[in-house]
Amino acid sequence: MPRVLVPITRVLALAALAMIGLGLSSADHSAQVQDGLVTVTIDVRCAGEGVDINVTPWSASLFEGDSINWVLAAEAHTDAFTITNKRGQGSWPFTNPPPYSAEGRGNPARGRGMRPNQAGNRYAYNIELVCSFEESGPYTVVIDPDMIIKPRR
């Protein structure tokens, strides 16, 4: 998966990372899903003048009816994050729209209750978190991955 070191600005938008995002094949889907639950792991390292980001998988591939958990990696340099919808209120695959927040390790943000007829849709969302550095104040980091919904086989 992509690992990117970027310089810090007051608000760090990583929309360009979407250009290097990797889609999952059907074989990859089985490695990321267990009992209809896809897990996305977020690892962010706040160091020096940059942020090292790894979101696995970058493009989460869900089958119709799947659910999703976003979790922090054990070594992540943040304790909380929020999932937000980039397209607005009416465009989201789950019945309960974001924001979804997670605080602390082992407490995922969750997308549940997929609406019918979502196959073929791609949903852009943001992962928002805060990095703190010893030499400067906290900075908001915005990460821009995707979800892809596939028809159930």
C-alpha atoms as a PDB file:
ATOM      1  CA  MET A   1       0.000   0.000   0.000  1.00  0.00           C
ATOM      2  CA  PRO A   2       1.152   3.557  -0.573  1.00  0.00           C
ATOM      3  CA  ARG A   3       3.255   5.200   2.142  1.00  0.00           C
ATOM      4  CA  VAL A   4       3.651   8.907   1.688  1.00  0.00           C
ATOM      5  CA  LEU A   5       5.754  11.449   3.599  1.00  0.00           C
ATOM      6  CA  VAL A   6       4.329  14.920   3.125  1.00  0.00           C
ATOM      7  CA  PRO A   7       5.264  18.294   4.586  1.00  0.00           C
ATOM      8  CA  ILE A   8       2.934  19.714   7.236  1.00  0.00           C
ATOM      9  CA  THR A   9       0.753  22.752   6.633  1.00  0.00           C
ATOM     10  CA  ARG A  10      -1.965  24.117   8.911  1.00  0.00           C
ATOM     11  CA  VAL A  11      -4.581  21.899   7.226  1.00  0.00           C
ATOM     12  CA  LEU A  12      -3.052  18.999   5.333  1.00  0.00           C
ATOM     13  CA  ALA A  13      -5.279  17.810   2.489  1.00  0.00           C
ATOM     14  CA  LEU A  14      -4.142  14.599   0.836  1.00  0.00           C
ATOM     15  CA  ALA A  15      -6.501  14.495  -2.128  1.00  0.00           C
ATOM     16  CA  ALA A  16      -3.558  13.800  -4.440  1.00  0.00           C
ATOM     17  CA  LEU A  17      -3.135  10.423  -2.749  1.00  0.00           C
ATOM     18  CA  ALA A  18      -6.370   9.301  -4.381  1.00  0.00           C
ATOM     19  CA  MET A  19      -4.511   9.369  -7.690  1.00  0.00           C
ATOM     20  CA  ILE A  20      -2.184   6.603  -6.464  1.00  0.00           C
ATOM     21  CA  GLY A  21      -4.840   4.575  -4.642  1.00  0.00           C
ATOM     22  CA  LEU A  22      -4.959   0.865  -5.375  1.00  0.00           C
ATOM     23  CA  GLY A  23      -8.178  -1.059  -6.065  1.00  0.00           C
ATOM     24  CA  LEU A  24      -8.663  -4.548  -4.686  1.00  0.00           C
ATOM     25  CA  SER A  25      -9.280  -7.565  -6.842  1.00  0.00           C
ATOM     26  CA  SER A  26     -11.847 -10.159  -5.778  1.00  0.00           C
ATOM     27  CA  ALA A  27      -9.010 -12.284  -4.377  1.00  0.00           C
ATOM     28  CA  ASP A  28      -7.815  -9.324  -2.304  1.00  0.00           C
ATOM     29  CA  HIS A  29     -11.343  -8.816  -0.961  1.00  0.00           C
ATOM     30  CA  SER A  30     -11.321 -12.196   0.769  1.00  0.00           C
ATOM     31  CA  ALA A  31      -8.094 -11.244   2.568  1.00  0.00           C
ATOM     32  CA  GLN A  32      -9.689  -8.032   3.929  1.00  0.00           C
ATOM     33  CA  VAL A  33     -13.139  -9.386   4.842  1.00  0.00           C
ATOM     34  CA  GLN A  34     -14.265 -11.777   7.535  1.00  0.00           C
ATOM     35  CA  ASP A  35     -17.938 -12.713   7.893  1.00  0.00           C
ATOM     36  CA  GLY A  36     -19.040  -9.775   5.709  1.00  0.00           C
ATOM     37  CA  LEU A  37     -16.929  -7.240   7.632  1.00  0.00           C
ATOM     38  CA  VAL A  38     -14.210  -5.305   5.779  1.00  0.00           C
ATOM     39  CA  THR A  39     -11.488  -3.794   7.973  1.00  0.00           C
ATOM     40  CA  VAL A  40      -9.529  -0.689   6.971  1.00  0.00           C
ATOM     41  CA  THR A  41      -6.409  -0.014   9.054  1.00  0.00           C
ATOM     42  CA  ILE A  42      -5.211   3.562   9.496  1.00  0.00           C
ATOM     43  CA  ASP A  43      -1.561   4.145  10.419  1.00  0.00           C
ATOM     44  CA  VAL A  44      -0.274   7.698  10.701  1.00  0.00           C
ATOM     45  CA  ARG A  45       3.141   8.726  12.030  1.00  0.00           C
ATOM     46  CA  CYS A  46       3.700  12.361  12.944  1.00  0.00           C
ATOM     47  CA  ALA A  47       7.435  13.044  12.716  1.00  0.00           C
ATOM     48  CA  GLY A  48       9.629  16.077  12.194  1.00  0.00           C
ATOM     49  CA  GLU A  49       8.072  18.223   9.511  1.00  0.00           C
ATOM     50  CA  GLY A  50       5.920  15.539   7.893  1.00  0.00           C
ATOM     51  CA  VAL A  51       3.298  12.862   8.245  1.00  0.00           C
ATOM     52  CA  ASP A  52       3.726   9.252   7.117  1.00  0.00           C
ATOM     53  CA  ILE A  53       0.340   7.762   6.179  1.00  0.00           C
ATOM     54  CA  ASN A  54      -0.667   4.192   5.401  1.00  0.00           C
ATOM     55  CA  VAL A  55      -4.329   3.236   4.836  1.00  0.00           C
ATOM     56  CA  THR A  56      -4.850  -0.463   4.112  1.00  0.00           C
ATOM     57  CA  PRO A  57      -6.684  -1.074   1.866  1.00  0.00           C
ATOM     58  CA  TRP A  58      -6.687   2.347   0.215  1.00  0.00           C
ATOM     59  CA  SER A  59      -9.740   1.490  -1.917  1.00  0.00           C
ATOM     60  CA  ALA A  60     -11.890  -0.695   0.318  1.00  0.00           C
ATOM     61  CA  SER A  61     -13.777  -3.195  -1.808  1.00  0.00           C
ATOM     62  CA  LEU A  62     -17.107  -4.240  -0.296  1.00  0.00           C
ATOM     63  CA  PHE A  63     -19.733  -6.594  -1.657  1.00  0.00           C
ATOM     64  CA  GLU A  64     -23.370  -5.583  -1.353  1.00  0.00           C
ATOM     65  CA  GLY A  65     -24.452  -6.226   2.220  1.00  0.00           C
ATOM     66  CA  ASP A  66     -20.936  -6.002   3.745  1.00  0.00           C
ATOM     67  CA  SER A  67     -20.089  -3.742   6.686  1.00  0.00           C
ATOM     68  CA  ILE A  68     -16.883  -1.823   7.305  1.00  0.00           C
ATOM     69  CA  ASN A  69     -14.688  -1.037  10.319  1.00  0.00           C
ATOM     70  CA  TRP A  70     -12.000   1.633  10.301  1.00  0.00           C
ATOM     71  CA  VAL A  71      -9.357   0.918  12.965  1.00  0.00           C
ATOM     72  CA  LEU A  72      -6.148   2.559  14.153  1.00  0.00           C
ATOM     73  CA  ALA A  73      -2.896   0.641  13.823  1.00  0.00           C
ATOM     74  CA  ALA A  74      -1.306  -0.119  17.194  1.00  0.00           C
ATOM     75  CA  GLU A  75       1.636   2.191  16.414  1.00  0.00           C
ATOM     76  CA  ALA A  76      -0.387   5.142  15.040  1.00  0.00           C
ATOM     77  CA  HIS A  77       0.551   8.571  16.432  1.00  0.00           C
ATOM     78  CA  THR A  78      -3.046   9.592  17.096  1.00  0.00           C
ATOM     79  CA  ASP A  79      -5.742   8.334  19.425  1.00  0.00           C
ATOM     80  CA  ALA A  80      -8.855   9.402  17.534  1.00  0.00           C
ATOM     81  CA  PHE A  81     -10.208   9.943  14.031  1.00  0.00           C
ATOM     82  CA  THR A  82     -13.461  10.756  12.255  1.00  0.00           C
ATOM     83  CA  ILE A  83     -14.869   9.400   8.982  1.00  0.00           C
ATOM     84  CA  THR A  84     -16.767  11.996   6.916  1.00  0.00           C
ATOM     85  CA  ASN A  85     -18.620  11.778   3.608  1.00  0.00           C
ATOM     86  CA  LYS A  86     -17.119  13.869   0.794  1.00  0.00           C
ATOM     87  CA  ARG A  87     -20.264  14.011  -1.355  1.00  0.00           C
ATOM     88  CA  GLY A  88     -22.844  15.194   1.141  1.00  0.00           C
ATOM     89  CA  GLN A  89     -25.755  13.803   3.054  1.00  0.00           C
ATOM     90  CA  GLY A  90     -27.637  11.872   0.328  1.00  0.00           C
ATOM     91  CA  SER A  91     -24.747   9.894  -1.137  1.00  0.00           C
ATOM     92  CA  TRP A  92     -23.626   7.149   1.253  1.00  0.00           C
ATOM     93  CA  PRO A  93     -23.987   3.338   1.088  1.00  0.00           C
ATOM     94  CA  PHE A  94     -25.103   2.828   4.709  1.00  0.00           C
ATOM     95  CA  THR A  95     -28.412   3.744   6.344  1.00  0.00           C
ATOM     96  CA  ASN A  96     -26.677   5.645   9.139  1.00  0.00           C
ATOM     97  CA  PRO A  97     -24.620   8.452   7.526  1.00  0.00           C
ATOM     98  CA  PRO A  98     -21.314   9.790   8.865  1.00  0.00           C
ATOM     99  CA  PRO A  99     -19.653  11.337  10.699  1.00  0.00           C
ATOM    100  CA  TYR A 100     -18.391   8.192  12.438  1.00  0.00           C
ATOM    101  CA  SER A 101     -15.907   8.834  15.229  1.00  0.00           C
ATOM    102  CA  ALA A 102     -13.464   6.518  16.944  1.00  0.00           C
ATOM    103  CA  GLU A 103     -11.537   7.308  20.105  1.00  0.00           C
ATOM    104  CA  GLY A 104      -8.866   4.998  21.448  1.00  0.00           C
ATOM    105  CA  ARG A 105      -7.411   1.779  20.148  1.00  0.00           C
ATOM    106  CA  GLY A 106      -9.807  -1.114  19.698  1.00  0.00           C
ATOM    107  CA  ASN A 107     -12.772   1.222  19.211  1.00  0.00           C
ATOM    108  CA  PRO A 108     -13.409   1.284  15.447  1.00  0.00           C
ATOM    109  CA  ALA A 109     -15.550   3.664  13.452  1.00  0.00           C
ATOM    110  CA  ARG A 110     -18.276   1.541  11.855  1.00  0.00           C
ATOM    111  CA  GLY A 111     -20.370   1.558   8.688  1.00  0.00           C
ATOM    112  CA  ARG A 112     -23.342  -0.831   8.995  1.00  0.00           C
ATOM    113  CA  GLY A 113     -26.672  -1.542   7.356  1.00  0.00           C
ATOM    114  CA  MET A 114     -25.852  -1.160   3.664  1.00  0.00           C
ATOM    115  CA  ARG A 115     -28.751   0.216   1.640  1.00  0.00           C
ATOM    116  CA  PRO A 116     -29.960  -1.939  -1.285  1.00  0.00           C
ATOM    117  CA  ASN A 117     -28.730  -1.513  -4.876  1.00  0.00           C
ATOM    118  CA  GLN A 118     -25.251  -0.161  -4.081  1.00  0.00           C
ATOM    119  CA  ALA A 119     -23.290  -2.340  -6.540  1.00  0.00           C
ATOM    120  CA  GLY A 120     -21.131  -0.359  -8.949  1.00  0.00           C
ATOM    121  CA  ASN A 121     -20.958   2.724  -6.726  1.00  0.00           C
ATOM    122  CA  ARG A 122     -17.754   4.335  -5.502  1.00  0.00           C
ATOM    123  CA  TYR A 123     -17.835   6.473  -2.364  1.00  0.00           C
ATOM    124  CA  ALA A 124     -15.174   9.034  -1.570  1.00  0.00           C
ATOM    125  CA  TYR A 125     -14.736   9.763   2.101  1.00  0.00           C
ATOM    126  CA  ASN A 126     -12.272  11.515   4.394  1.00  0.00           C
ATOM    127  CA  ILE A 127     -10.414  10.280   7.420  1.00  0.00           C
ATOM    128  CA  GLU A 128      -9.786  13.289   9.660  1.00  0.00           C
ATOM    129  CA  LEU A 129      -7.342  13.203  12.570  1.00  0.00           C
ATOM    130  CA  VAL A 130      -4.947  15.417  14.495  1.00  0.00           C
ATOM    131  CA  CYS A 131      -1.158  15.131  14.630  1.00  0.00           C
ATOM    132  CA  SER A 132       0.826  16.891  17.345  1.00  0.00           C
ATOM    133  CA  PHE A 133       4.499  17.745  17.153  1.00  0.00           C
ATOM    134  CA  GLU A 134       6.801  18.747  19.997  1.00  0.00           C
ATOM    135  CA  GLU A 135       8.066  21.798  18.132  1.00  0.00           C
ATOM    136  CA  SER A 136       4.648  23.054  16.975  1.00  0.00           C
ATOM    137  CA  GLY A 137       0.951  22.851  17.728  1.00  0.00           C
ATOM    138  CA  PRO A 138      -1.533  20.252  16.565  1.00  0.00           C
ATOM    139  CA  TYR A 139      -2.370  19.959  12.871  1.00  0.00           C
ATOM    140  CA  THR A 140      -5.482  18.572  11.223  1.00  0.00           C
ATOM    141  CA  VAL A 141      -4.731  15.814   8.711  1.00  0.00           C
ATOM    142  CA  VAL A 142      -7.286  14.894   6.045  1.00  0.00           C
ATOM    143  CA  ILE A 143      -6.860  11.601   4.175  1.00  0.00           C
ATOM    144  CA  ASP A 144      -8.939  10.898   1.045  1.00  0.00           C
ATOM    145  CA  PRO A 145      -9.479   7.157   0.263  1.00  0.00           C
ATOM    146  CA  ASP A 146     -12.468   5.347  -1.366  1.00  0.00           C
ATOM    147  CA  MET A 147     -15.003   2.537  -0.916  1.00  0.00           C
ATOM    148  CA  ILE A 148     -16.078   0.473  -3.942  1.00  0.00           C
ATOM    149  CA  ILE A 149     -19.286  -1.609  -3.761  1.00  0.00           C
ATOM    150  CA  LYS A 150     -19.395  -4.819  -5.840  1.00  0.00           C
ATOM    151  CA  PRO A 151     -22.366  -7.071  -6.557  1.00  0.00           C
ATOM    152  CA  ARG A 152     -22.632 -10.159  -4.380  1.00  0.00           C
ATOM    153  CA  ARG A 153     -21.608 -13.298  -6.301  1.00  0.00           C
END
